[in-house]
Amino acid sequence: GAAVIRVDRPDRRCAVVGVDPVTARRDPGVLRRIAREHGMTLGV
């Protein structure tokens, strides 16, 4: 759009991603999959 941004670094993930945004239930498998598929980072 009208904004200019600089992409600085990958986003290293933590246990927060395991919390379901609808139910608040924890799923530790989400973080494990990020670790396995992408070395603990996802997004920037």
All heavy atoms as atom14 arrays in JSON, in Angstrom:
{
  "sequence": "GAAVIRVDRPDRRCAVVGVDPVTARRDPGVLRRIAREHGMTLGV",
  "atom14_mask": [
    [1, 1, 1, 1, 0, 0, 0, 0, 0, 0, 0, 0, 0, 0],
    [1, 1, 1, 1, 1, 0, 0, 0, 0, 0, 0, 0, 0, 0],
    [1, 1, 1, 1, 1, 0, 0, 0, 0, 0, 0, 0, 0, 0],
    [1, 1, 1, 1, 1, 1, 1, 0, 0, 0, 0, 0, 0, 0],
    [1, 1, 1, 1, 1, 1, 1, 1, 0, 0, 0, 0, 0, 0],
    [1, 1, 1, 1, 1, 1, 1, 1, 1, 1, 1, 0, 0, 0],
    [1, 1, 1, 1, 1, 1, 1, 0, 0, 0, 0, 0, 0, 0],
    [1, 1, 1, 1, 1, 1, 1, 1, 0, 0, 0, 0, 0, 0],
    [1, 1, 1, 1, 1, 1, 1, 1, 1, 1, 1, 0, 0, 0],
    [1, 1, 1, 1, 1, 1, 1, 0, 0, 0, 0, 0, 0, 0],
    [1, 1, 1, 1, 1, 1, 1, 1, 0, 0, 0, 0, 0, 0],
    [1, 1, 1, 1, 1, 1, 1, 1, 1, 1, 1, 0, 0, 0],
    [1, 1, 1, 1, 1, 1, 1, 1, 1, 1, 1, 0, 0, 0],
    [1, 1, 1, 1, 1, 1, 0, 0, 0, 0, 0, 0, 0, 0],
    [1, 1, 1, 1, 1, 0, 0, 0, 0, 0, 0, 0, 0, 0],
    [1, 1, 1, 1, 1, 1, 1, 0, 0, 0, 0, 0, 0, 0],
    [1, 1, 1, 1, 1, 1, 1, 0, 0, 0, 0, 0, 0, 0],
    [1, 1, 1, 1, 0, 0, 0, 0, 0, 0, 0, 0, 0, 0],
    [1, 1, 1, 1, 1, 1, 1, 0, 0, 0, 0, 0, 0, 0],
    [1, 1, 1, 1, 1, 1, 1, 1, 0, 0, 0, 0, 0, 0],
    [1, 1, 1, 1, 1, 1, 1, 0, 0, 0, 0, 0, 0, 0],
    [1, 1, 1, 1, 1, 1, 1, 0, 0, 0, 0, 0, 0, 0],
    [1, 1, 1, 1, 1, 1, 1, 0, 0, 0, 0, 0, 0, 0],
    [1, 1, 1, 1, 1, 0, 0, 0, 0, 0, 0, 0, 0, 0],
    [1, 1, 1, 1, 1, 1, 1, 1, 1, 1, 1, 0, 0, 0],
    [1, 1, 1, 1, 1, 1, 1, 1, 1, 1, 1, 0, 0, 0],
    [1, 1, 1, 1, 1, 1, 1, 1, 0, 0, 0, 0, 0, 0],
    [1, 1, 1, 1, 1, 1, 1, 0, 0, 0, 0, 0, 0, 0],
    [1, 1, 1, 1, 0, 0, 0, 0, 0, 0, 0, 0, 0, 0],
    [1, 1, 1, 1, 1, 1, 1, 0, 0, 0, 0, 0, 0, 0],
    [1, 1, 1, 1, 1, 1, 1, 1, 0, 0, 0, 0, 0, 0],
    [1, 1, 1, 1, 1, 1, 1, 1, 1, 1, 1, 0, 0, 0],
    [1, 1, 1, 1, 1, 1, 1, 1, 1, 1, 1, 0, 0, 0],
    [1, 1, 1, 1, 1, 1, 1, 1, 0, 0, 0, 0, 0, 0],
    [1, 1, 1, 1, 1, 0, 0, 0, 0, 0, 0, 0, 0, 0],
    [1, 1, 1, 1, 1, 1, 1, 1, 1, 1, 1, 0, 0, 0],
    [1, 1, 1, 1, 1, 1, 1, 1, 1, 0, 0, 0, 0, 0],
    [1, 1, 1, 1, 1, 1, 1, 1, 1, 1, 0, 0, 0, 0],
    [1, 1, 1, 1, 0, 0, 0, 0, 0, 0, 0, 0, 0, 0],
    [1, 1, 1, 1, 1, 1, 1, 1, 0, 0, 0, 0, 0, 0],
    [1, 1, 1, 1, 1, 1, 1, 0, 0, 0, 0, 0, 0, 0],
    [1, 1, 1, 1, 1, 1, 1, 1, 0, 0, 0, 0, 0, 0],
    [1, 1, 1, 1, 0, 0, 0, 0, 0, 0, 0, 0, 0, 0],
    [1, 1, 1, 1, 1, 1, 1, 0, 0, 0, 0, 0, 0, 0]
  ],
  "atom14_positions": [
    [[0.84, -1.19, 0.0], [0.0, 0.0, 0.0], [0.87, 1.24, 0.0], [1.8, 1.37, -0.8], [0.0, 0.0, 0.0], [0.0, 0.0, 0.0], [0.0, 0.0, 0.0], [0.0, 0.0, 0.0], [0.0, 0.0, 0.0], [0.0, 0.0, 0.0], [0.0, 0.0, 0.0], [0.0, 0.0, 0.0], [0.0, 0.0, 0.0], [0.0, 0.0, 0.0]],
    [[0.62, 2.15, 0.95], [1.41, 3.38, 1.06], [2.58, 3.24, 2.03], [3.34, 4.2, 2.21], [0.51, 4.53, 1.49], [0.0, 0.0, 0.0], [0.0, 0.0, 0.0], [0.0, 0.0, 0.0], [0.0, 0.0, 0.0], [0.0, 0.0, 0.0], [0.0, 0.0, 0.0], [0.0, 0.0, 0.0], [0.0, 0.0, 0.0], [0.0, 0.0, 0.0]],
    [[2.73, 2.09, 2.68], [3.79, 1.89, 3.66], [5.0, 1.2, 3.03], [4.88, 0.39, 2.12], [3.27, 1.05, 4.83], [0.0, 0.0, 0.0], [0.0, 0.0, 0.0], [0.0, 0.0, 0.0], [0.0, 0.0, 0.0], [0.0, 0.0, 0.0], [0.0, 0.0, 0.0], [0.0, 0.0, 0.0], [0.0, 0.0, 0.0], [0.0, 0.0, 0.0]],
    [[6.16, 1.54, 3.57], [7.4, 0.88, 3.17], [8.0, 0.26, 4.42], [8.12, 0.93, 5.46], [8.41, 1.87, 2.54], [9.69, 1.14, 2.12], [7.78, 2.58, 1.35], [0.0, 0.0, 0.0], [0.0, 0.0, 0.0], [0.0, 0.0, 0.0], [0.0, 0.0, 0.0], [0.0, 0.0, 0.0], [0.0, 0.0, 0.0], [0.0, 0.0, 0.0]],
    [[8.34, -1.02, 4.36], [8.87, -1.72, 5.53], [10.15, -2.46, 5.15], [10.4, -2.76, 3.99], [7.85, -2.71, 6.11], [7.59, -3.87, 5.13], [6.54, -2.01, 6.46], [6.74, -4.98, 5.73], [0.0, 0.0, 0.0], [0.0, 0.0, 0.0], [0.0, 0.0, 0.0], [0.0, 0.0, 0.0], [0.0, 0.0, 0.0], [0.0, 0.0, 0.0]],
    [[10.95, -2.74, 6.17], [12.15, -3.55, 5.98], [11.96, -4.86, 6.73], [11.63, -4.86, 7.93], [13.38, -2.82, 6.53], [14.7, -3.57, 6.29], [15.85, -2.86, 6.96], [15.7, -2.89, 8.4], [16.18, -1.93, 9.22], [16.78, -0.87, 8.71], [16.02, -2.04, 10.52], [0.0, 0.0, 0.0], [0.0, 0.0, 0.0], [0.0, 0.0, 0.0]],
    [[12.18, -5.97, 6.06], [12.06, -7.28, 6.69], [13.4, -7.58, 7.38], [14.43, -7.72, 6.72], [11.71, -8.37, 5.67], [11.57, -9.73, 6.36], [10.4, -8.02, 4.95], [0.0, 0.0, 0.0], [0.0, 0.0, 0.0], [0.0, 0.0, 0.0], [0.0, 0.0, 0.0], [0.0, 0.0, 0.0], [0.0, 0.0, 0.0], [0.0, 0.0, 0.0]],
    [[13.35, -7.69, 8.7], [14.59, -7.74, 9.48], [15.09, -9.15, 9.77], [16.28, -9.41, 9.67], [14.4, -6.99, 10.8], [14.19, -5.51, 10.57], [14.86, -4.94, 9.7], [13.33, -4.91, 11.27], [0.0, 0.0, 0.0], [0.0, 0.0, 0.0], [0.0, 0.0, 0.0], [0.0, 0.0, 0.0], [0.0, 0.0, 0.0], [0.0, 0.0, 0.0]],
    [[14.18, -10.04, 10.16], [14.66, -11.37, 10.53], [13.49, -12.35, 10.65], [12.33, -11.93, 10.76], [15.44, -11.32, 11.84], [14.65, -10.9, 13.07], [15.61, -10.81, 14.25], [14.97, -10.38, 15.48], [14.38, -11.19, 16.35], [14.29, -12.48, 16.1], [13.87, -10.72, 17.47], [0.0, 0.0, 0.0], [0.0, 0.0, 0.0], [0.0, 0.0, 0.0]],
    [[13.79, -13.65, 10.66], [12.73, -14.64, 10.87], [12.13, -14.53, 12.27], [12.77, -14.05, 13.21], [13.46, -15.98, 10.68], [14.7, -15.65, 9.92], [15.09, -14.27, 10.37], [0.0, 0.0, 0.0], [0.0, 0.0, 0.0], [0.0, 0.0, 0.0], [0.0, 0.0, 0.0], [0.0, 0.0, 0.0], [0.0, 0.0, 0.0], [0.0, 0.0, 0.0]],
    [[10.89, -14.97, 12.38], [10.16, -14.96, 13.64], [10.34, -16.32, 14.32], [9.81, -17.33, 13.87], [8.68, -14.69, 13.35], [7.84, -14.53, 14.61], [8.33, -14.89, 15.69], [6.69, -14.06, 14.48], [0.0, 0.0, 0.0], [0.0, 0.0, 0.0], [0.0, 0.0, 0.0], [0.0, 0.0, 0.0], [0.0, 0.0, 0.0], [0.0, 0.0, 0.0]],
    [[11.14, -16.34, 15.4], [11.37, -17.58, 16.14], [10.17, -17.84, 17.04], [9.8, -17.01, 17.85], [12.65, -17.51, 16.95], [13.01, -18.86, 17.6], [14.41, -18.85, 18.16], [14.73, -20.13, 18.76], [15.15, -21.19, 18.1], [15.31, -21.12, 16.78], [15.42, -22.32, 18.72], [0.0, 0.0, 0.0], [0.0, 0.0, 0.0], [0.0, 0.0, 0.0]],
    [[9.59, -19.02, 16.92], [8.32, -19.32, 17.57], [8.52, -19.99, 18.93], [9.56, -20.58, 19.24], [7.49, -20.21, 16.66], [7.09, -19.51, 15.37], [6.21, -18.3, 15.64], [5.78, -17.63, 14.43], [4.79, -16.76, 14.38], [4.11, -16.46, 15.47], [4.47, -16.16, 13.24], [0.0, 0.0, 0.0], [0.0, 0.0, 0.0], [0.0, 0.0, 0.0]],
    [[7.46, -19.89, 19.76], [7.48, -20.45, 21.1], [6.15, -21.17, 21.35], [5.33, -21.33, 20.44], [7.71, -19.36, 22.14], [6.35, -18.16, 22.21], [0.0, 0.0, 0.0], [0.0, 0.0, 0.0], [0.0, 0.0, 0.0], [0.0, 0.0, 0.0], [0.0, 0.0, 0.0], [0.0, 0.0, 0.0], [0.0, 0.0, 0.0], [0.0, 0.0, 0.0]],
    [[5.92, -21.55, 22.59], [4.74, -22.34, 22.93], [3.42, -21.62, 22.69], [2.36, -22.25, 22.63], [4.83, -22.79, 24.39], [0.0, 0.0, 0.0], [0.0, 0.0, 0.0], [0.0, 0.0, 0.0], [0.0, 0.0, 0.0], [0.0, 0.0, 0.0], [0.0, 0.0, 0.0], [0.0, 0.0, 0.0], [0.0, 0.0, 0.0], [0.0, 0.0, 0.0]],
    [[3.45, -20.3, 22.53], [2.21, -19.54, 22.3], [1.46, -20.07, 21.08], [0.23, -20.08, 21.05], [2.55, -18.04, 22.14], [1.4, -17.28, 21.49], [2.88, -17.43, 23.5], [0.0, 0.0, 0.0], [0.0, 0.0, 0.0], [0.0, 0.0, 0.0], [0.0, 0.0, 0.0], [0.0, 0.0, 0.0], [0.0, 0.0, 0.0], [0.0, 0.0, 0.0]],
    [[2.18, -20.52, 20.04], [1.5, -20.98, 18.82], [0.69, -22.24, 19.05], [-0.16, -22.6, 18.23], [2.51, -21.22, 17.68], [3.25, -19.95, 17.34], [3.48, -22.35, 18.01], [0.0, 0.0, 0.0], [0.0, 0.0, 0.0], [0.0, 0.0, 0.0], [0.0, 0.0, 0.0], [0.0, 0.0, 0.0], [0.0, 0.0, 0.0], [0.0, 0.0, 0.0]],
    [[0.91, -22.92, 20.17], [0.15, -24.12, 20.48], [-1.23, -23.86, 21.03], [-2.02, -24.79, 21.19], [0.0, 0.0, 0.0], [0.0, 0.0, 0.0], [0.0, 0.0, 0.0], [0.0, 0.0, 0.0], [0.0, 0.0, 0.0], [0.0, 0.0, 0.0], [0.0, 0.0, 0.0], [0.0, 0.0, 0.0], [0.0, 0.0, 0.0], [0.0, 0.0, 0.0]],
    [[-1.56, -22.6, 21.32], [-2.86, -22.26, 21.91], [-3.88, -22.02, 20.8], [-3.7, -21.13, 19.95], [-2.75, -21.02, 22.81], [-4.13, -20.65, 23.37], [-1.76, -21.26, 23.94], [0.0, 0.0, 0.0], [0.0, 0.0, 0.0], [0.0, 0.0, 0.0], [0.0, 0.0, 0.0], [0.0, 0.0, 0.0], [0.0, 0.0, 0.0], [0.0, 0.0, 0.0]],
    [[-4.93, -22.81, 20.8], [-5.99, -22.66, 19.81], [-6.72, -21.34, 20.05], [-7.19, -21.08, 21.16], [-6.98, -23.83, 19.94], [-8.02, -23.84, 18.83], [-8.8, -22.87, 18.75], [-8.05, -24.81, 18.07], [0.0, 0.0, 0.0], [0.0, 0.0, 0.0], [0.0, 0.0, 0.0], [0.0, 0.0, 0.0], [0.0, 0.0, 0.0], [0.0, 0.0, 0.0]],
    [[-6.84, -20.47, 19.03], [-7.44, -19.15, 19.23], [-8.94, -19.19, 19.47], [-9.51, -18.19, 19.9], [-7.11, -18.42, 17.93], [-6.92, -19.5, 16.92], [-6.32, -20.65, 17.67], [0.0, 0.0, 0.0], [0.0, 0.0, 0.0], [0.0, 0.0, 0.0], [0.0, 0.0, 0.0], [0.0, 0.0, 0.0], [0.0, 0.0, 0.0], [0.0, 0.0, 0.0]],
    [[-9.58, -20.33, 19.22], [-11.02, -20.44, 19.42], [-11.36, -21.11, 20.75], [-12.25, -20.68, 21.48], [-11.67, -21.23, 18.26], [-13.16, -21.43, 18.51], [-11.45, -20.5, 16.94], [0.0, 0.0, 0.0], [0.0, 0.0, 0.0], [0.0, 0.0, 0.0], [0.0, 0.0, 0.0], [0.0, 0.0, 0.0], [0.0, 0.0, 0.0], [0.0, 0.0, 0.0]],
    [[-10.61, -22.16, 21.1], [-10.93, -22.94, 22.3], [-9.97, -22.7, 23.47], [-10.28, -23.07, 24.59], [-10.89, -24.44, 21.97], [-9.53, -24.81, 21.64], [-11.8, -24.77, 20.8], [0.0, 0.0, 0.0], [0.0, 0.0, 0.0], [0.0, 0.0, 0.0], [0.0, 0.0, 0.0], [0.0, 0.0, 0.0], [0.0, 0.0, 0.0], [0.0, 0.0, 0.0]],
    [[-8.81, -22.11, 23.19], [-7.74, -21.91, 24.17], [-7.07, -23.21, 24.6], [-6.26, -23.22, 25.52], [-8.22, -21.14, 25.39], [0.0, 0.0, 0.0], [0.0, 0.0, 0.0], [0.0, 0.0, 0.0], [0.0, 0.0, 0.0], [0.0, 0.0, 0.0], [0.0, 0.0, 0.0], [0.0, 0.0, 0.0], [0.0, 0.0, 0.0], [0.0, 0.0, 0.0]],
    [[-7.39, -24.31, 23.93], [-6.71, -25.57, 24.25], [-5.29, -25.56, 23.7], [-5.02, -25.01, 22.64], [-7.48, -26.76, 23.66], [-8.86, -26.97, 24.25], [-9.42, -28.34, 23.83], [-10.78, -28.52, 24.29], [-11.86, -28.29, 23.56], [-11.72, -27.87, 22.31], [-13.06, -28.48, 24.04], [0.0, 0.0, 0.0], [0.0, 0.0, 0.0], [0.0, 0.0, 0.0]],
    [[-4.39, -26.24, 24.42], [-2.99, -26.32, 23.98], [-2.79, -27.53, 23.05], [-3.33, -28.6, 23.3], [-2.06, -26.47, 25.19], [-2.03, -25.27, 26.13], [-0.96, -25.53, 27.19], [-0.98, -24.57, 28.27], [-0.28, -23.44, 28.29], [0.5, -23.14, 27.25], [-0.33, -22.63, 29.34], [0.0, 0.0, 0.0], [0.0, 0.0, 0.0], [0.0, 0.0, 0.0]],
    [[-1.97, -27.33, 22.04], [-1.57, -28.41, 21.16], [-0.07, -28.29, 20.92], [0.37, -27.57, 20.01], [-2.33, -28.33, 19.83], [-1.9, -29.42, 18.84], [-1.07, -30.28, 19.21], [-2.37, -29.39, 17.7], [0.0, 0.0, 0.0], [0.0, 0.0, 0.0], [0.0, 0.0, 0.0], [0.0, 0.0, 0.0], [0.0, 0.0, 0.0], [0.0, 0.0, 0.0]],
    [[0.74, -28.95, 21.73], [2.2, -28.85, 21.58], [2.71, -29.36, 20.25], [3.84, -29.07, 19.84], [2.74, -29.68, 22.75], [1.62, -30.6, 23.13], [0.36, -29.86, 22.83], [0.0, 0.0, 0.0], [0.0, 0.0, 0.0], [0.0, 0.0, 0.0], [0.0, 0.0, 0.0], [0.0, 0.0, 0.0], [0.0, 0.0, 0.0], [0.0, 0.0, 0.0]],
    [[1.89, -30.12, 19.54], [2.29, -30.65, 18.24], [2.56, -29.56, 17.22], [3.35, -29.76, 16.29], [0.0, 0.0, 0.0], [0.0, 0.0, 0.0], [0.0, 0.0, 0.0], [0.0, 0.0, 0.0], [0.0, 0.0, 0.0], [0.0, 0.0, 0.0], [0.0, 0.0, 0.0], [0.0, 0.0, 0.0], [0.0, 0.0, 0.0], [0.0, 0.0, 0.0]],
    [[1.92, -28.39, 17.37], [2.12, -27.3, 16.41], [3.58, -26.84, 16.44], [4.23, -26.7, 15.4], [1.17, -26.13, 16.7], [1.47, -24.96, 15.77], [-0.28, -26.56, 16.54], [0.0, 0.0, 0.0], [0.0, 0.0, 0.0], [0.0, 0.0, 0.0], [0.0, 0.0, 0.0], [0.0, 0.0, 0.0], [0.0, 0.0, 0.0], [0.0, 0.0, 0.0]],
    [[4.1, -26.59, 17.64], [5.49, -26.14, 17.75], [6.46, -27.23, 17.3], [7.49, -26.94, 16.67], [5.79, -25.71, 19.19], [7.14, -25.02, 19.4], [7.25, -23.75, 18.56], [7.35, -24.7, 20.88], [0.0, 0.0, 0.0], [0.0, 0.0, 0.0], [0.0, 0.0, 0.0], [0.0, 0.0, 0.0], [0.0, 0.0, 0.0], [0.0, 0.0, 0.0]],
    [[6.12, -28.47, 17.58], [6.99, -29.57, 17.14], [7.07, -29.62, 15.61], [8.13, -29.88, 15.03], [6.51, -30.91, 17.7], [6.78, -31.07, 19.19], [6.68, -32.52, 19.61], [5.32, -33.03, 19.51], [4.45, -33.05, 20.51], [4.81, -32.57, 21.7], [3.24, -33.55, 20.35], [0.0, 0.0, 0.0], [0.0, 0.0, 0.0], [0.0, 0.0, 0.0]],
    [[5.92, -29.37, 14.95], [5.94, -29.39, 13.49], [6.76, -28.23, 12.93], [7.46, -28.39, 11.92], [4.51, -29.35, 12.94], [3.74, -30.65, 13.16], [2.48, -30.7, 12.32], [1.51, -29.67, 12.67], [0.6, -29.79, 13.64], [0.55, -30.89, 14.38], [-0.26, -28.82, 13.87], [0.0, 0.0, 0.0], [0.0, 0.0, 0.0], [0.0, 0.0, 0.0]],
    [[6.67, -27.07, 13.56], [7.48, -25.94, 13.12], [8.96, -26.27, 13.27], [9.78, -25.98, 12.38], [7.13, -24.67, 13.91], [5.7, -24.23, 13.59], [8.1, -23.53, 13.6], [5.19, -23.09, 14.44], [0.0, 0.0, 0.0], [0.0, 0.0, 0.0], [0.0, 0.0, 0.0], [0.0, 0.0, 0.0], [0.0, 0.0, 0.0], [0.0, 0.0, 0.0]],
    [[9.31, -26.88, 14.39], [10.71, -27.26, 14.61], [11.17, -28.26, 13.55], [12.28, -28.15, 13.01], [10.87, -27.85, 16.01], [0.0, 0.0, 0.0], [0.0, 0.0, 0.0], [0.0, 0.0, 0.0], [0.0, 0.0, 0.0], [0.0, 0.0, 0.0], [0.0, 0.0, 0.0], [0.0, 0.0, 0.0], [0.0, 0.0, 0.0], [0.0, 0.0, 0.0]],
    [[10.33, -29.21, 13.25], [10.7, -30.26, 12.3], [10.76, -29.75, 10.87], [11.68, -30.07, 10.11], [9.7, -31.42, 12.39], [10.04, -32.6, 11.48], [9.04, -33.73, 11.63], [7.71, -33.37, 11.17], [6.63, -33.26, 11.95], [6.72, -33.51, 13.25], [5.45, -32.93, 11.44], [0.0, 0.0, 0.0], [0.0, 0.0, 0.0], [0.0, 0.0, 0.0]],
    [[9.78, -28.92, 10.48], [9.67, -28.51, 9.09], [10.46, -27.24, 8.76], [10.83, -27.02, 7.61], [8.19, -28.26, 8.72], [7.29, -29.47, 8.91], [7.63, -30.61, 7.97], [8.22, -30.34, 6.91], [7.31, -31.77, 8.31], [0.0, 0.0, 0.0], [0.0, 0.0, 0.0], [0.0, 0.0, 0.0], [0.0, 0.0, 0.0], [0.0, 0.0, 0.0]],
    [[10.73, -26.42, 9.83], [11.32, -25.12, 9.49], [12.23, -24.56, 10.58], [12.39, -23.34, 10.69], [10.21, -24.12, 9.16], [10.64, -23.04, 8.24], [10.62, -21.71, 8.59], [11.14, -23.08, 6.97], [11.06, -20.98, 7.58], [11.38, -21.79, 6.59], [0.0, 0.0, 0.0], [0.0, 0.0, 0.0], [0.0, 0.0, 0.0], [0.0, 0.0, 0.0]],
    [[12.82, -25.41, 11.38], [13.85, -24.97, 12.32], [13.41, -23.96, 13.36], [14.17, -23.05, 13.72], [0.0, 0.0, 0.0], [0.0, 0.0, 0.0], [0.0, 0.0, 0.0], [0.0, 0.0, 0.0], [0.0, 0.0, 0.0], [0.0, 0.0, 0.0], [0.0, 0.0, 0.0], [0.0, 0.0, 0.0], [0.0, 0.0, 0.0], [0.0, 0.0, 0.0]],
    [[12.17, -24.05, 13.82], [11.61, -23.22, 14.89], [11.18, -21.81, 14.47], [10.69, -21.04, 15.27], [12.57, -23.11, 16.08], [12.74, -24.4, 16.86], [11.21, -24.96, 17.64], [11.02, -23.77, 18.96], [0.0, 0.0, 0.0], [0.0, 0.0, 0.0], [0.0, 0.0, 0.0], [0.0, 0.0, 0.0], [0.0, 0.0, 0.0], [0.0, 0.0, 0.0]],
    [[11.37, -21.43, 13.2], [10.92, -20.11, 12.77], [9.76, -20.23, 11.8], [9.64, -21.21, 11.06], [12.05, -19.3, 12.1], [12.39, -19.9, 10.85], [13.27, -19.23, 13.01], [0.0, 0.0, 0.0], [0.0, 0.0, 0.0], [0.0, 0.0, 0.0], [0.0, 0.0, 0.0], [0.0, 0.0, 0.0], [0.0, 0.0, 0.0], [0.0, 0.0, 0.0]],
    [[8.89, -19.21, 11.82], [7.76, -19.17, 10.9], [7.31, -17.72, 10.77], [6.96, -17.09, 11.77], [6.6, -20.04, 11.4], [5.55, -20.37, 10.35], [6.1, -21.4, 9.36], [4.27, -20.9, 10.99], [0.0, 0.0, 0.0], [0.0, 0.0, 0.0], [0.0, 0.0, 0.0], [0.0, 0.0, 0.0], [0.0, 0.0, 0.0], [0.0, 0.0, 0.0]],
    [[7.33, -17.19, 9.54], [7.03, -15.8, 9.34], [8.25, -14.93, 9.6], [9.35, -15.44, 9.88], [0.0, 0.0, 0.0], [0.0, 0.0, 0.0], [0.0, 0.0, 0.0], [0.0, 0.0, 0.0], [0.0, 0.0, 0.0], [0.0, 0.0, 0.0], [0.0, 0.0, 0.0], [0.0, 0.0, 0.0], [0.0, 0.0, 0.0], [0.0, 0.0, 0.0]],
    [[8.06, -13.62, 9.53], [9.18, -12.68, 9.68], [8.75, -11.46, 10.48], [7.58, -11.11, 10.55], [9.7, -12.22, 8.3], [10.4, -13.37, 7.57], [8.59, -11.64, 7.42], [0.0, 0.0, 0.0], [0.0, 0.0, 0.0], [0.0, 0.0, 0.0], [0.0, 0.0, 0.0], [0.0, 0.0, 0.0], [0.0, 0.0, 0.0], [0.0, 0.0, 0.0]]
  ]
}
